Structures are given as C-alpha cells and as structure tokens.
Amino acid sequence: MRKLLLIPAVLMLSSCTVIDAYLMTHYDPNEYNNITVIRADAGQFKTKCDDAVASRANAERIAYETNAFKLYSENIPKNDDNYKAATSLNEIAQGLVERYNKGDPVSPVFCKLKFGAIENSAGLMQHVIGNRPR
C-alpha cells in the first residue's frame, strides 16, 4: 500500500519541477547574439580611443546597440533581472555619449575605462544568458 502512495507523490513532485522549469525564462539565441555583439564591439572600440572622431562615433554606436538590447529585453516574460541589467548597461553607454556631447575633449583613458566597463558588464550578462536552460 505504501508503494502505491509513493507513486502519485513522485509524479506530483516531478510535474511541479517540469512546470517550474517551463515557467523560467529560457535561453534566447537572439538575446545571446545581441549581448555578444555589444561585448565584441566594446572590446574593439576600446582600442580606438586615441582617435577622437572615431571614438565619438563608436560611443554613439554602442549606445544604439545597448538601447536596442534593452528594448528587446523589455517585453520578454519573466526577464526582469536581465532587463534591469540591460538598462544599467545602456546607462553606461549613454553616459559616454553625453560626455562626448558636452563639447569638452574626452581623454583616451576615460574612453577606455567606459568601453572596458561595457565590455566587462556584457561579458557577465553573456555568461548568465548562456547558462539559461535550453
């Protein structure tokens, strides 16, 4: 009799696990691609900080990419943490653009630090997104 009671209990527990896994945000290849492009571009743009004209254009480009990533992440169900991270990443990029728009020259060191911060943050986000269940 005990064995008969154990079977429904095991089935109930395993079905709850399946439902819980289904409700989690799953791996999204588009989201992973977007953050990979941001990370790769930030790493490349960091090497171009000595050229003021190119670094300004690169700052605008990375701000566009991070904003697009934020907008993409915004309406994915159960994706609040990633949306918050995307918003923070976009704020870093927008801060760099605002610094260029002030008119004062931006030092190459500041540029490299900002692009480095974007690259590191994107790397962490890429790791988290890549580890989602498939």
Protein backbone atom coordinates (compact mmCIF):
# COMPACT_ATOMS: atom_id res chain seq x y z
CA MET A 1 0.00 0.00 0.00
CA ARG A 2 2.87 2.37 0.80
CA LYS A 3 4.30 1.86 -2.66
CA LEU A 4 1.01 2.89 -4.21
CA LEU A 5 1.04 6.15 -2.24
CA LEU A 6 4.64 6.82 -3.19
CA ILE A 7 3.98 6.73 -6.95
CA PRO A 8 1.50 9.68 -7.03
CA ALA A 9 3.75 11.68 -4.71
CA VAL A 10 6.76 11.19 -7.00
CA LEU A 11 4.71 12.05 -10.09
CA MET A 12 3.38 15.18 -8.42
CA LEU A 13 6.85 16.37 -7.43
CA SER A 14 8.33 15.73 -10.87
CA SER A 15 5.46 17.51 -12.62
CA CYS A 16 5.97 20.57 -10.38
CA THR A 17 9.62 20.60 -11.38
CA VAL A 18 8.72 20.44 -15.06
CA ILE A 19 6.19 23.27 -14.71
CA ASP A 20 8.68 25.39 -12.78
CA ALA A 21 11.36 24.83 -15.43
CA TYR A 22 8.87 25.72 -18.15
CA LEU A 23 7.95 28.99 -16.47
CA MET A 24 11.59 30.12 -16.18
CA THR A 25 12.98 32.36 -18.85
CA HIS A 26 14.59 30.10 -21.40
CA TYR A 27 17.70 30.55 -23.48
CA ASP A 28 17.07 33.07 -26.23
CA PRO A 29 19.60 32.92 -29.10
CA ASN A 30 18.71 36.46 -30.24
CA GLU A 31 19.33 37.87 -26.78
CA TYR A 32 22.62 35.98 -26.58
CA ASN A 33 23.65 37.26 -30.00
CA ASN A 34 22.82 40.86 -29.10
CA ILE A 35 24.93 40.82 -25.94
CA THR A 36 27.77 39.07 -27.77
CA VAL A 37 27.82 41.83 -30.42
CA ILE A 38 27.85 44.50 -27.71
CA ARG A 39 30.74 42.79 -25.93
CA ALA A 40 32.74 42.31 -29.12
CA ASP A 41 32.17 45.88 -30.29
CA ALA A 42 33.08 47.35 -26.90
CA GLY A 43 36.34 45.40 -26.95
CA GLN A 44 37.11 46.62 -30.45
CA PHE A 45 36.06 50.22 -29.77
CA LYS A 46 38.27 50.32 -26.68
CA THR A 47 41.33 50.02 -28.92
CA LYS A 48 40.27 53.06 -30.99
CA CYS A 49 40.05 55.58 -28.12
CA ASP A 50 43.12 57.54 -29.26
CA ASP A 51 41.19 58.81 -32.31
CA ALA A 52 38.67 61.38 -31.01
CA VAL A 53 36.44 61.31 -34.10
CA ALA A 54 36.27 57.52 -34.28
CA SER A 55 35.75 57.11 -30.54
CA ARG A 56 32.82 59.55 -30.59
CA ALA A 57 31.19 57.60 -33.43
CA ASN A 58 31.90 54.33 -31.60
CA ALA A 59 30.30 55.71 -28.43
CA GLU A 60 27.15 56.56 -30.37
CA ARG A 61 27.16 53.11 -31.96
CA ILE A 62 27.49 51.25 -28.65
CA ALA A 63 24.75 53.44 -27.14
CA TYR A 64 22.49 52.46 -30.02
CA GLU A 65 23.30 48.76 -29.56
CA THR A 66 22.72 48.80 -25.80
CA ASN A 67 19.44 50.66 -26.25
CA ALA A 68 18.29 48.11 -28.83
CA PHE A 69 19.24 45.31 -26.42
CA LYS A 70 17.32 46.99 -23.59
CA LEU A 71 14.24 47.38 -25.79
CA TYR A 72 14.50 43.76 -26.94
CA SER A 73 14.72 42.51 -23.33
CA GLU A 74 11.90 44.71 -22.10
CA ASN A 75 8.87 42.59 -23.00
CA ILE A 76 10.22 39.07 -22.60
CA PRO A 77 8.16 37.37 -19.86
CA LYS A 78 9.96 36.64 -16.58
CA ASN A 79 13.04 38.55 -17.75
CA ASP A 80 13.06 41.39 -15.22
CA ASP A 81 16.61 40.81 -13.99
CA ASN A 82 18.05 40.84 -17.48
CA TYR A 83 16.05 43.95 -18.35
CA LYS A 84 17.47 45.74 -15.29
CA ALA A 85 20.99 44.70 -16.29
CA ALA A 86 20.37 45.85 -19.87
CA THR A 87 19.11 49.20 -18.56
CA SER A 88 22.26 49.64 -16.45
CA LEU A 89 24.44 48.73 -19.42
CA ASN A 90 22.60 51.28 -21.55
CA GLU A 91 23.12 53.94 -18.86
CA ILE A 92 26.89 53.40 -19.00
CA ALA A 93 26.86 53.79 -22.78
CA GLN A 94 24.58 56.82 -22.68
CA GLY A 95 26.88 58.42 -20.10
CA LEU A 96 29.78 58.11 -22.52
CA VAL A 97 27.77 59.72 -25.32
CA GLU A 98 26.68 62.54 -23.02
CA ARG A 99 30.32 63.16 -22.12
CA TYR A 100 31.19 63.49 -25.81
CA ASN A 101 28.20 65.80 -26.38
CA LYS A 102 29.37 68.25 -23.70
CA GLY A 103 31.94 69.54 -26.16
CA ASP A 104 34.98 69.11 -23.93
CA PRO A 105 37.61 66.70 -25.18
CA VAL A 106 37.27 63.19 -23.79
CA SER A 107 40.52 61.64 -22.66
CA PRO A 108 41.52 58.29 -24.16
CA VAL A 109 41.83 56.88 -20.63
CA PHE A 110 38.21 57.77 -19.80
CA CYS A 111 37.09 56.32 -23.12
CA LYS A 112 38.97 53.06 -22.49
CA LEU A 113 37.55 52.80 -18.98
CA LYS A 114 33.96 53.26 -20.20
CA PHE A 115 34.31 50.79 -23.07
CA GLY A 116 36.06 48.39 -20.68
CA ALA A 117 33.16 48.66 -18.23
CA ILE A 118 30.69 47.97 -21.03
CA GLU A 119 32.75 45.01 -22.22
CA ASN A 120 33.01 43.52 -18.70
CA SER A 121 29.32 44.00 -17.96
CA ALA A 122 28.36 42.48 -21.30
CA GLY A 123 30.65 39.53 -20.56
CA LEU A 124 28.87 38.86 -17.26
CA MET A 125 25.48 39.17 -18.92
CA GLN A 126 26.59 36.85 -21.72
CA HIS A 127 27.58 34.24 -19.14
CA VAL A 128 24.22 34.48 -17.36
CA ILE A 129 22.18 34.36 -20.59
CA GLY A 130 24.25 31.45 -21.92
CA ASN A 131 23.61 29.39 -18.77
CA ARG A 132 19.83 29.53 -19.05
CA PRO A 133 18.01 26.24 -19.59
CA ARG A 134 17.52 25.26 -23.19
